[in-house]
Structures are given as C-alpha cells and as structure tokens.
C-alpha atoms as a PDB file:
ATOM      1  CA  MET A   1     134.777  60.747  -7.374  1.00  0.00           C
ATOM      2  CA  ILE A   2     135.381  59.026  -4.045  1.00  0.00           C
ATOM      3  CA  ARG A   3     133.952  61.135  -1.221  1.00  0.00           C
ATOM      4  CA  SER A   4     134.383  61.216   2.560  1.00  0.00           C
ATOM      5  CA  SER A   5     131.791  60.665   5.261  1.00  0.00           C
ATOM      6  CA  VAL A   6     131.732  60.292   9.032  1.00  0.00           C
ATOM      7  CA  THR A   7     129.211  58.540  11.291  1.00  0.00           C
ATOM      8  CA  ILE A   8     126.928  60.191  13.830  1.00  0.00           C
ATOM      9  CA  SER A   9     124.955  58.038  16.283  1.00  0.00           C
ATOM     10  CA  LEU A  10     121.724  59.414  17.711  1.00  0.00           C
ATOM     11  CA  VAL A  11     121.018  56.236  19.701  1.00  0.00           C
ATOM     12  CA  PRO A  12     122.173  56.438  23.347  1.00  0.00           C
ATOM     13  CA  GLU A  13     121.681  52.684  23.758  1.00  0.00           C
ATOM     14  CA  ALA A  14     124.430  52.112  21.163  1.00  0.00           C
ATOM     15  CA  LYS A  15     127.052  53.782  23.362  1.00  0.00           C
ATOM     16  CA  GLY A  16     130.359  52.008  22.976  1.00  0.00           C
ATOM     17  CA  GLY A  17     129.652  51.104  19.363  1.00  0.00           C
ATOM     18  CA  PRO A  18     131.751  52.064  16.324  1.00  0.00           C
ATOM     19  CA  PHE A  19     130.406  55.537  15.649  1.00  0.00           C
ATOM     20  CA  VAL A  20     132.651  58.588  15.605  1.00  0.00           C
ATOM     21  CA  PHE A  21     130.260  61.323  16.755  1.00  0.00           C
ATOM     22  CA  TRP A  22     127.517  60.908  19.337  1.00  0.00           C
ATOM     23  CA  GLY A  23     124.262  62.630  20.163  1.00  0.00           C
ATOM     24  CA  ASP A  24     124.911  66.257  19.287  1.00  0.00           C
ATOM     25  CA  LEU A  25     123.624  66.396  15.716  1.00  0.00           C
ATOM     26  CA  ALA A  26     124.181  70.117  15.208  1.00  0.00           C
ATOM     27  CA  GLY A  27     127.643  70.085  16.765  1.00  0.00           C
ATOM     28  CA  SER A  28     128.644  66.920  14.936  1.00  0.00           C
ATOM     29  CA  CYS A  29     127.593  68.301  11.552  1.00  0.00           C
ATOM     30  CA  ALA A  30     129.499  71.513  12.251  1.00  0.00           C
ATOM     31  CA  LYS A  31     132.634  69.583  13.210  1.00  0.00           C
ATOM     32  CA  ALA A  32     132.359  67.280  10.178  1.00  0.00           C
ATOM     33  CA  ALA A  33     132.146  70.271   7.864  1.00  0.00           C
ATOM     34  CA  GLN A  34     135.002  72.053   9.636  1.00  0.00           C
ATOM     35  CA  LEU A  35     137.252  69.029   9.171  1.00  0.00           C
ATOM     36  CA  GLY A  36     136.401  68.806   5.480  1.00  0.00           C
ATOM     37  CA  PHE A  37     134.069  65.794   5.271  1.00  0.00           C
ATOM     38  CA  ASP A  38     131.718  65.679   2.315  1.00  0.00           C
ATOM     39  CA  ALA A  39     128.891  63.907   4.113  1.00  0.00           C
ATOM     40  CA  VAL A  40     127.625  62.275   7.277  1.00  0.00           C
ATOM     41  CA  GLU A  41     126.180  58.813   7.846  1.00  0.00           C
ATOM     42  CA  ILE A  42     123.536  58.729  10.560  1.00  0.00           C
ATOM     43  CA  PHE A  43     122.590  55.911  12.924  1.00  0.00           C
ATOM     44  CA  ALA A  44     119.109  57.005  13.958  1.00  0.00           C
ATOM     45  CA  PRO A  45     116.700  55.541  16.519  1.00  0.00           C
ATOM     46  CA  SER A  46     113.699  55.901  14.206  1.00  0.00           C
ATOM     47  CA  PRO A  47     112.586  57.141  10.792  1.00  0.00           C
ATOM     48  CA  GLU A  48     111.196  60.233  12.501  1.00  0.00           C
ATOM     49  CA  ALA A  49     114.703  61.282  13.529  1.00  0.00           C
ATOM     50  CA  LEU A  50     115.707  61.386   9.858  1.00  0.00           C
ATOM     51  CA  SER A  51     112.513  63.158   8.828  1.00  0.00           C
ATOM     52  CA  ASP A  52     113.060  65.980  11.324  1.00  0.00           C
ATOM     53  CA  PRO A  53     113.336  69.225   9.290  1.00  0.00           C
ATOM     54  CA  SER A  54     116.309  70.269  11.418  1.00  0.00           C
ATOM     55  CA  LEU A  55     118.450  67.544   9.800  1.00  0.00           C
ATOM     56  CA  LYS A  56     117.790  68.825   6.297  1.00  0.00           C
ATOM     57  CA  GLN A  57     118.529  72.350   7.488  1.00  0.00           C
ATOM     58  CA  LEU A  58     121.813  71.301   9.113  1.00  0.00           C
ATOM     59  CA  LEU A  59     122.959  69.453   6.009  1.00  0.00           C
ATOM     60  CA  ALA A  60     122.227  72.473   3.854  1.00  0.00           C
ATOM     61  CA  GLN A  61     123.817  74.885   6.322  1.00  0.00           C
ATOM     62  CA  HIS A  62     127.082  72.946   6.421  1.00  0.00           C
ATOM     63  CA  LYS A  63     127.043  71.880   2.757  1.00  0.00           C
ATOM     64  CA  LEU A  64     126.991  68.210   3.722  1.00  0.00           C
ATOM     65  CA  ALA A  65     125.221  65.293   2.063  1.00  0.00           C
ATOM     66  CA  LEU A  66     123.621  62.382   3.845  1.00  0.00           C
ATOM     67  CA  ALA A  67     125.758  59.445   2.722  1.00  0.00           C
ATOM     68  CA  ALA A  68     123.607  56.685   4.227  1.00  0.00           C
ATOM     69  CA  ALA A  69     121.367  55.820   7.158  1.00  0.00           C
ATOM     70  CA  GLY A  70     121.769  52.808   9.410  1.00  0.00           C
ATOM     71  CA  THR A  71     118.771  50.702  10.405  1.00  0.00           C
ATOM     72  CA  GLY A  72     120.413  48.782  13.252  1.00  0.00           C
ATOM     73  CA  ALA A  73     118.272  50.495  15.875  1.00  0.00           C
ATOM     74  CA  GLY A  74     115.511  48.137  14.784  1.00  0.00           C
ATOM     75  CA  TRP A  75     117.559  45.320  16.282  1.00  0.00           C
ATOM     76  CA  LEU A  76     119.123  47.218  19.164  1.00  0.00           C
ATOM     77  CA  LEU A  77     115.935  48.848  20.458  1.00  0.00           C
ATOM     78  CA  HIS A  78     113.198  46.473  19.281  1.00  0.00           C
ATOM     79  CA  ARG A  79     114.962  43.132  18.667  1.00  0.00           C
ATOM     80  CA  LEU A  80     113.680  42.927  15.117  1.00  0.00           C
ATOM     81  CA  THR A  81     115.421  40.845  12.448  1.00  0.00           C
ATOM     82  CA  LEU A  82     114.597  39.744   8.927  1.00  0.00           C
ATOM     83  CA  THR A  83     115.291  36.105   9.828  1.00  0.00           C
ATOM     84  CA  ASN A  84     113.329  35.748  13.061  1.00  0.00           C
ATOM     85  CA  PRO A  85     111.262  32.524  13.158  1.00  0.00           C
ATOM     86  CA  ASP A  86     108.196  34.616  14.059  1.00  0.00           C
ATOM     87  CA  SER A  87     106.619  35.924  10.855  1.00  0.00           C
ATOM     88  CA  LYS A  88     105.141  38.908  12.706  1.00  0.00           C
ATOM     89  CA  ILE A  89     108.590  40.020  13.843  1.00  0.00           C
ATOM     90  CA  ARG A  90     109.960  39.590  10.320  1.00  0.00           C
ATOM     91  CA  ALA A  91     107.117  41.738   9.010  1.00  0.00           C
ATOM     92  CA  GLN A  92     107.846  44.398  11.639  1.00  0.00           C
ATOM     93  CA  ALA A  93     111.523  44.365  10.650  1.00  0.00           C
ATOM     94  CA  ILE A  94     110.630  44.878   6.993  1.00  0.00           C
ATOM     95  CA  GLU A  95     108.301  47.743   7.881  1.00  0.00           C
ATOM     96  CA  PHE A  96     110.928  49.421  10.098  1.00  0.00           C
ATOM     97  CA  ILE A  97     113.488  49.286   7.298  1.00  0.00           C
ATOM     98  CA  ALA A  98     110.929  50.439   4.731  1.00  0.00           C
ATOM     99  CA  GLN A  99     110.186  53.536   6.784  1.00  0.00           C
ATOM    100  CA  MET A 100     113.914  54.216   7.182  1.00  0.00           C
ATOM    101  CA  ILE A 101     114.272  53.880   3.399  1.00  0.00           C
ATOM    102  CA  ASP A 102     111.514  56.466   2.950  1.00  0.00           C
ATOM    103  CA  ALA A 103     113.102  58.911   5.393  1.00  0.00           C
ATOM    104  CA  ALA A 104     116.638  58.526   4.037  1.00  0.00           C
ATOM    105  CA  GLY A 105     115.478  58.393   0.435  1.00  0.00           C
ATOM    106  CA  ALA A 106     113.758  61.753   0.798  1.00  0.00           C
ATOM    107  CA  LEU A 107     117.251  63.134   1.517  1.00  0.00           C
ATOM    108  CA  GLY A 108     118.792  61.269  -1.411  1.00  0.00           C
ATOM    109  CA  ALA A 109     120.492  58.619   0.705  1.00  0.00           C
ATOM    110  CA  PRO A 110     120.339  54.812   0.904  1.00  0.00           C
ATOM    111  CA  ALA A 111     119.533  52.756   3.984  1.00  0.00           C
ATOM    112  CA  ILE A 112     121.803  50.007   5.310  1.00  0.00           C
ATOM    113  CA  VAL A 113     120.765  46.483   6.324  1.00  0.00           C
ATOM    114  CA  GLY A 114     123.418  45.132   8.680  1.00  0.00           C
ATOM    115  CA  SER A 115     122.518  43.784  12.116  1.00  0.00           C
ATOM    116  CA  LEU A 116     118.841  43.545  11.167  1.00  0.00           C
ATOM    117  CA  GLN A 117     119.667  40.625   8.902  1.00  0.00           C
ATOM    118  CA  GLY A 118     119.842  38.461  12.033  1.00  0.00           C
ATOM    119  CA  ARG A 119     121.173  34.899  12.123  1.00  0.00           C
ATOM    120  CA  PHE A 120     120.001  31.302  11.886  1.00  0.00           C
ATOM    121  CA  GLU A 121     119.624  29.279  15.070  1.00  0.00           C
ATOM    122  CA  GLY A 122     117.434  26.689  16.713  1.00  0.00           C
ATOM    123  CA  ALA A 123     114.931  25.143  14.339  1.00  0.00           C
ATOM    124  CA  VAL A 124     115.685  27.689  11.608  1.00  0.00           C
ATOM    125  CA  THR A 125     118.154  26.372   9.044  1.00  0.00           C
ATOM    126  CA  ARG A 126     120.644  28.560   7.215  1.00  0.00           C
ATOM    127  CA  GLU A 127     118.817  27.891   3.960  1.00  0.00           C
ATOM    128  CA  GLN A 128     115.498  29.035   5.444  1.00  0.00           C
ATOM    129  CA  ALA A 129     117.069  32.166   6.940  1.00  0.00           C
ATOM    130  CA  LEU A 130     118.678  33.059   3.619  1.00  0.00           C
ATOM    131  CA  ASP A 131     115.355  32.572   1.828  1.00  0.00           C
ATOM    132  CA  TRP A 132     113.685  34.995   4.236  1.00  0.00           C
ATOM    133  CA  LEU A 133     116.571  37.429   3.871  1.00  0.00           C
ATOM    134  CA  ALA A 134     116.453  37.254   0.084  1.00  0.00           C
ATOM    135  CA  GLU A 135     112.708  37.853   0.001  1.00  0.00           C
ATOM    136  CA  ALA A 136     113.021  40.862   2.314  1.00  0.00           C
ATOM    137  CA  LEU A 137     115.944  42.420   0.450  1.00  0.00           C
ATOM    138  CA  GLY A 138     114.103  42.075  -2.834  1.00  0.00           C
ATOM    139  CA  LEU A 139     111.049  43.883  -1.484  1.00  0.00           C
ATOM    140  CA  LEU A 140     113.105  46.558   0.230  1.00  0.00           C
ATOM    141  CA  GLY A 141     115.278  47.075  -2.819  1.00  0.00           C
ATOM    142  CA  GLU A 142     112.152  47.884  -4.806  1.00  0.00           C
ATOM    143  CA  ARG A 143     111.191  50.368  -2.085  1.00  0.00           C
ATOM    144  CA  ALA A 144     114.611  52.067  -2.312  1.00  0.00           C
ATOM    145  CA  ALA A 145     114.319  52.305  -6.089  1.00  0.00           C
ATOM    146  CA  ARG A 146     111.428  54.742  -5.663  1.00  0.00           C
ATOM    147  CA  TYR A 147     114.044  57.263  -4.509  1.00  0.00           C
ATOM    148  CA  ASN A 148     116.681  56.335  -7.095  1.00  0.00           C
ATOM    149  CA  VAL A 149     118.980  54.989  -4.387  1.00  0.00           C
ATOM    150  CA  PRO A 150     120.071  51.405  -3.701  1.00  0.00           C
ATOM    151  CA  LEU A 151     119.422  49.314  -0.636  1.00  0.00           C
ATOM    152  CA  LEU A 152     122.792  48.555   0.987  1.00  0.00           C
ATOM    153  CA  TYR A 153     123.359  45.038   2.313  1.00  0.00           C
ATOM    154  CA  GLU A 154     126.323  44.629   4.665  1.00  0.00           C
ATOM    155  CA  PRO A 155     127.974  41.243   5.313  1.00  0.00           C
ATOM    156  CA  LEU A 156     129.192  41.120   8.921  1.00  0.00           C
ATOM    157  CA  ASN A 157     131.951  39.143  10.583  1.00  0.00           C
ATOM    158  CA  ARG A 158     131.357  35.728  12.147  1.00  0.00           C
ATOM    159  CA  TYR A 159     130.939  37.178  15.644  1.00  0.00           C
ATOM    160  CA  GLU A 160     127.934  39.256  14.550  1.00  0.00           C
ATOM    161  CA  THR A 161     126.101  36.909  12.171  1.00  0.00           C
ATOM    162  CA  ASN A 162     126.390  33.340  10.918  1.00  0.00           C
ATOM    163  CA  LEU A 163     124.638  34.051   7.610  1.00  0.00           C
ATOM    164  CA  ILE A 164     127.082  35.721   5.190  1.00  0.00           C
ATOM    165  CA  ASN A 165     130.503  36.907   6.334  1.00  0.00           C
ATOM    166  CA  ARG A 166     132.651  37.376   3.226  1.00  0.00           C
ATOM    167  CA  LEU A 167     132.160  39.956   0.511  1.00  0.00           C
ATOM    168  CA  GLU A 168     132.643  37.265  -2.132  1.00  0.00           C
ATOM    169  CA  ASP A 169     129.748  35.252  -0.688  1.00  0.00           C
ATOM    170  CA  ALA A 170     127.622  38.393  -0.378  1.00  0.00           C
ATOM    171  CA  HIS A 171     128.376  39.140  -4.027  1.00  0.00           C
ATOM    172  CA  SER A 172     127.167  35.689  -5.047  1.00  0.00           C
ATOM    173  CA  PHE A 173     124.060  36.064  -2.893  1.00  0.00           C
ATOM    174  CA  VAL A 174     123.106  39.439  -4.349  1.00  0.00           C
ATOM    175  CA  ARG A 175     123.791  38.207  -7.883  1.00  0.00           C
ATOM    176  CA  TRP A 176     121.449  35.306  -7.169  1.00  0.00           C
ATOM    177  CA  LEU A 177     118.823  37.785  -5.948  1.00  0.00           C
ATOM    178  CA  ASN A 178     118.975  39.373  -9.407  1.00  0.00           C
ATOM    179  CA  SER A 179     117.840  42.695  -7.954  1.00  0.00           C
ATOM    180  CA  PRO A 180     119.528  45.753  -9.493  1.00  0.00           C
ATOM    181  CA  ASP A 181     118.365  47.782  -6.498  1.00  0.00           C
ATOM    182  CA  VAL A 182     120.472  45.952  -3.889  1.00  0.00           C
ATOM    183  CA  LYS A 183     124.136  46.857  -3.525  1.00  0.00           C
ATOM    184  CA  LEU A 184     126.841  45.778  -1.093  1.00  0.00           C
ATOM    185  CA  LEU A 185     128.371  47.679   1.773  1.00  0.00           C
ATOM    186  CA  ALA A 186     132.024  46.694   2.133  1.00  0.00           C
ATOM    187  CA  ASP A 187     133.199  47.266   5.707  1.00  0.00           C
ATOM    188  CA  LEU A 188     136.995  47.151   5.892  1.00  0.00           C
ATOM    189  CA  TYR A 189     136.936  46.068   9.549  1.00  0.00           C
ATOM    190  CA  HIS A 190     134.753  43.046   8.825  1.00  0.00           C
ATOM    191  CA  MET A 191     136.781  42.307   5.706  1.00  0.00           C
ATOM    192  CA  ASN A 192     140.011  42.361   7.703  1.00  0.00           C
ATOM    193  CA  ILE A 193     138.595  39.534   9.821  1.00  0.00           C
ATOM    194  CA  GLU A 194     136.960  37.442   7.117  1.00  0.00           C
ATOM    195  CA  GLU A 195     138.696  37.970   3.775  1.00  0.00           C
ATOM    196  CA  ARG A 196     141.891  36.266   2.647  1.00  0.00           C
ATOM    197  CA  SER A 197     142.711  39.593   1.017  1.00  0.00           C
ATOM    198  CA  ILE A 198     140.811  42.866   1.293  1.00  0.00           C
ATOM    199  CA  GLY A 199     141.904  43.795  -2.219  1.00  0.00           C
ATOM    200  CA  ASP A 200     140.741  40.514  -3.721  1.00  0.00           C
ATOM    201  CA  GLY A 201     137.419  40.783  -1.911  1.00  0.00           C
ATOM    202  CA  LEU A 202     136.843  44.251  -3.337  1.00  0.00           C
ATOM    203  CA  ARG A 203     137.789  43.084  -6.828  1.00  0.00           C
ATOM    204  CA  VAL A 204     135.346  40.170  -6.736  1.00  0.00           C
ATOM    205  CA  ALA A 205     132.519  42.553  -5.833  1.00  0.00           C
ATOM    206  CA  GLU A 206     133.346  45.031  -8.614  1.00  0.00           C
ATOM    207  CA  GLY A 207     130.232  46.791  -9.818  1.00  0.00           C
ATOM    208  CA  LEU A 208     128.139  45.826  -6.795  1.00  0.00           C
ATOM    209  CA  ILE A 209     129.790  47.902  -4.071  1.00  0.00           C
ATOM    210  CA  GLY A 210     127.543  50.818  -3.171  1.00  0.00           C
ATOM    211  CA  HIS A 211     129.188  52.059   0.033  1.00  0.00           C
ATOM    212  CA  ILE A 212     132.351  51.447   2.077  1.00  0.00           C
ATOM    213  CA  HIS A 213     132.977  51.717   5.800  1.00  0.00           C
ATOM    214  CA  PHE A 214     136.387  53.354   6.037  1.00  0.00           C
ATOM    215  CA  VAL A 215     137.927  51.969   9.210  1.00  0.00           C
ATOM    216  CA  ASP A 216     141.098  50.236  10.273  1.00  0.00           C
ATOM    217  CA  SER A 217     141.840  46.673  11.353  1.00  0.00           C
ATOM    218  CA  ASN A 218     141.229  47.424  15.053  1.00  0.00           C
ATOM    219  CA  ARG A 219     137.959  49.286  14.373  1.00  0.00           C
ATOM    220  CA  GLN A 220     139.694  52.550  15.077  1.00  0.00           C
ATOM    221  CA  ALA A 221     140.066  55.455  12.671  1.00  0.00           C
ATOM    222  CA  ALA A 222     141.757  54.726   9.356  1.00  0.00           C
ATOM    223  CA  GLY A 223     145.486  55.032   9.892  1.00  0.00           C
ATOM    224  CA  ASN A 224     145.461  53.730  13.471  1.00  0.00           C
ATOM    225  CA  GLY A 225     145.746  50.038  12.539  1.00  0.00           C
ATOM    226  CA  HIS A 226     147.533  47.883   9.975  1.00  0.00           C
ATOM    227  CA  ILE A 227     145.326  48.031   6.848  1.00  0.00           C
ATOM    228  CA  ASP A 228     147.350  49.029   3.792  1.00  0.00           C
ATOM    229  CA  PHE A 229     145.310  51.953   2.468  1.00  0.00           C
ATOM    230  CA  ALA A 230     147.616  52.501  -0.481  1.00  0.00           C
ATOM    231  CA  SER A 231     146.589  49.049  -1.707  1.00  0.00           C
ATOM    232  CA  VAL A 232     142.924  49.739  -0.953  1.00  0.00           C
ATOM    233  CA  ARG A 233     143.148  52.957  -2.957  1.00  0.00           C
ATOM    234  CA  ALA A 234     144.746  51.156  -5.904  1.00  0.00           C
ATOM    235  CA  VAL A 235     141.988  48.535  -6.009  1.00  0.00           C
ATOM    236  CA  LEU A 236     139.165  51.072  -5.662  1.00  0.00           C
ATOM    237  CA  LEU A 237     140.549  53.078  -8.562  1.00  0.00           C
ATOM    238  CA  GLU A 238     141.021  49.867 -10.546  1.00  0.00           C
ATOM    239  CA  ILE A 239     137.368  48.840 -10.125  1.00  0.00           C
ATOM    240  CA  GLY A 240     136.066  52.367 -10.647  1.00  0.00           C
ATOM    241  CA  TYR A 241     134.461  52.838  -7.231  1.00  0.00           C
ATOM    242  CA  ASP A 242     132.987  56.334  -6.916  1.00  0.00           C
ATOM    243  CA  GLY A 243     130.952  56.256  -3.710  1.00  0.00           C
ATOM    244  CA  TYR A 244     131.591  57.218  -0.107  1.00  0.00           C
ATOM    245  CA  LEU A 245     134.292  56.112   2.292  1.00  0.00           C
ATOM    246  CA  SER A 246     132.414  56.494   5.559  1.00  0.00           C
ATOM    247  CA  ALA A 247     134.137  56.398   8.936  1.00  0.00           C
ATOM    248  CA  GLU A 248     132.330  53.839  11.076  1.00  0.00           C
ATOM    249  CA  ALA A 249     134.998  53.741  13.771  1.00  0.00           C
ATOM    250  CA  LEU A 250     135.379  53.809  17.524  1.00  0.00           C
ATOM    251  CA  PRO A 251     135.878  57.340  18.905  1.00  0.00           C
ATOM    252  CA  ILE A 252     139.345  56.551  20.285  1.00  0.00           C
ATOM    253  CA  PRO A 253     140.892  58.450  22.008  1.00  0.00           C
ATOM    254  CA  SER A 254     138.092  60.954  21.331  1.00  0.00           C
ATOM    255  CA  ALA A 255     135.500  61.673  18.687  1.00  0.00           C
ATOM    256  CA  GLU A 256     137.364  64.710  17.379  1.00  0.00           C
ATOM    257  CA  SER A 257     140.717  62.925  17.193  1.00  0.00           C
ATOM    258  CA  ALA A 258     139.161  59.908  15.437  1.00  0.00           C
ATOM    259  CA  ALA A 259     137.458  62.185  12.922  1.00  0.00           C
ATOM    260  CA  ALA A 260     140.650  64.169  12.359  1.00  0.00           C
ATOM    261  CA  GLN A 261     142.690  60.996  11.867  1.00  0.00           C
ATOM    262  CA  THR A 262     140.112  59.683   9.391  1.00  0.00           C
ATOM    263  CA  ILE A 263     140.119  62.781   7.215  1.00  0.00           C
ATOM    264  CA  LYS A 264     143.916  62.895   7.364  1.00  0.00           C
ATOM    265  CA  THR A 265     144.126  59.367   5.970  1.00  0.00           C
ATOM    266  CA  PHE A 266     141.381  60.056   3.436  1.00  0.00           C
ATOM    267  CA  ASN A 267     143.174  63.162   2.178  1.00  0.00           C
ATOM    268  CA  GLN A 268     146.491  61.325   2.027  1.00  0.00           C
ATOM    269  CA  PHE A 269     145.269  58.455  -0.103  1.00  0.00           C
ATOM    270  CA  PHE A 270     142.129  59.661  -1.863  1.00  0.00           C
ATOM    271  CA  ARG A 271     141.451  63.413  -1.905  1.00  0.00           C
ATOM    272  CA  GLN A 272     144.730  64.419  -3.485  1.00  0.00           C
ATOM    273  CA  LYS A 273     145.413  61.481  -5.781  1.00  0.00           C
ATOM    274  CA  GLN A 274     142.286  60.733  -7.802  1.00  0.00           C
END
C-alpha cells in the first residue's frame, strides 16, 4: 500500500529549504495526523534529536510512523561529505550517517543520503568520487541492514551535485554496488529537471525504489505545478511500488496550506484508487 508522509525540519539553519513543517515537532505531528498523513519524515540536526524519547511518544500519540530521516545536516552544519578529498572528513561523514541510521533504525525508519554525497571538483576526478561514494554506501547499507531497513540514496539535480543526476544512472550505480541494502529515493522535483520522462525513469528503477519525495515541478506541494500525477500513479501501480510518498516541498504560501494541498492530491490519486 502506498502511504503518505510529510516533512518536518528541526534545523533552523535550513530555513528556506523544501520542508513543509518547521521547528515545532509536537505541533507539526499533531497537524500531520489531523490532516490524515500516515507518517512524517524528519530532517534533524543530529542523531540525538531522533533518539529523544519525546519523538517516539509523539509518533505513538498521533498514530504516525517515521517514514525516513534526512542526514543533510551533516553537510549544512558541519560541511561533511562522502567525497571530500580529506579522508578524515569522509570518515566523519560516514560516522555521522551511521549514527543517524542507528537513531532512525531504532524507530523502524531508513536514513537518506542526499546532499552528503558531495561532488567532484579540483584534483578529485568523478571516478575517484564515485569510488569513495560506493565504498561508503556499501558500509552504511550494511549498518542499515541491522535494523531491517534500507539505506536510501538520492540522486540530485545538476545544480546540487555533479555526481549522479538521473534515476536511471543511479539505478545502474546501485546495481553495480551489488548491495541489497541500498535503495533509491526518487524525488519528483529532481526528476522533473533531469529525466526525459518521469514515468520512464521510475520504470527503469523498478524494484530499487525505496522512497519517493512527493512534490511538484516547482518544488511546491503536489498539485501546485505541472507534474501529471495520474501518470505517476499509473506507473507506480505498474511497478508495484508500496512505500511512502513524502512531501518534501516548500511551505508556500504556508506550511498548513502546503500540507493540505499535498494530502488533497495524495487522496485524489492514491488513497482512494489503490
């Protein structure tokens, strides 16, 4: 069954980023449950924020699951990446993600590697950066497997990384890794920029998609842009996707309106028609 999720950022330094709810964890969980979301996805500043007993209590209180946890604060707050030329920084990035995997995994959720993948530049070639990335994802995938959850790798658009931008290329990369513990995160906003066809991109990655960011072409809530969600629905049913559609969207014109628009579109195309 395809389920709904909405993002909550607990990182003040990320203000202006594509997260629907901000800061107020208790209030955000209450609003998500009121609107009918099945889960929340949390962008946390540290593993400790996910390990806080209050989060587990809030999820239970509002009958919400934790869909996934972002690790991008490792880049935003500490400038860590898995492809930094400094081996000490790469090791710190791996350890940060590993601790996030532990914290999220204890709640039954996977961690996401997106911005922490970094980029190649200077003396570092693309081939070298991809080797470092592959090594790190393999290790971290094994860590995630301890909790019976995958590690989610997210290809980003060309303006955010120069490593892997298309889902088809990410599919080939993960297949080459030969790690059953690494899955792909398909972000519809990034796909709208990079893919010839969102539907074809999803089809190519059949069986490897572990999570989807449910967002429109302009990074606003689903239904506020030009993505054809009827076609997206048809492809997801065709490939048998049964994970979360998680709203990683700008809170435009407000967090509540973006969340309400998201669940409206989700209910229109997914809740009532599976």
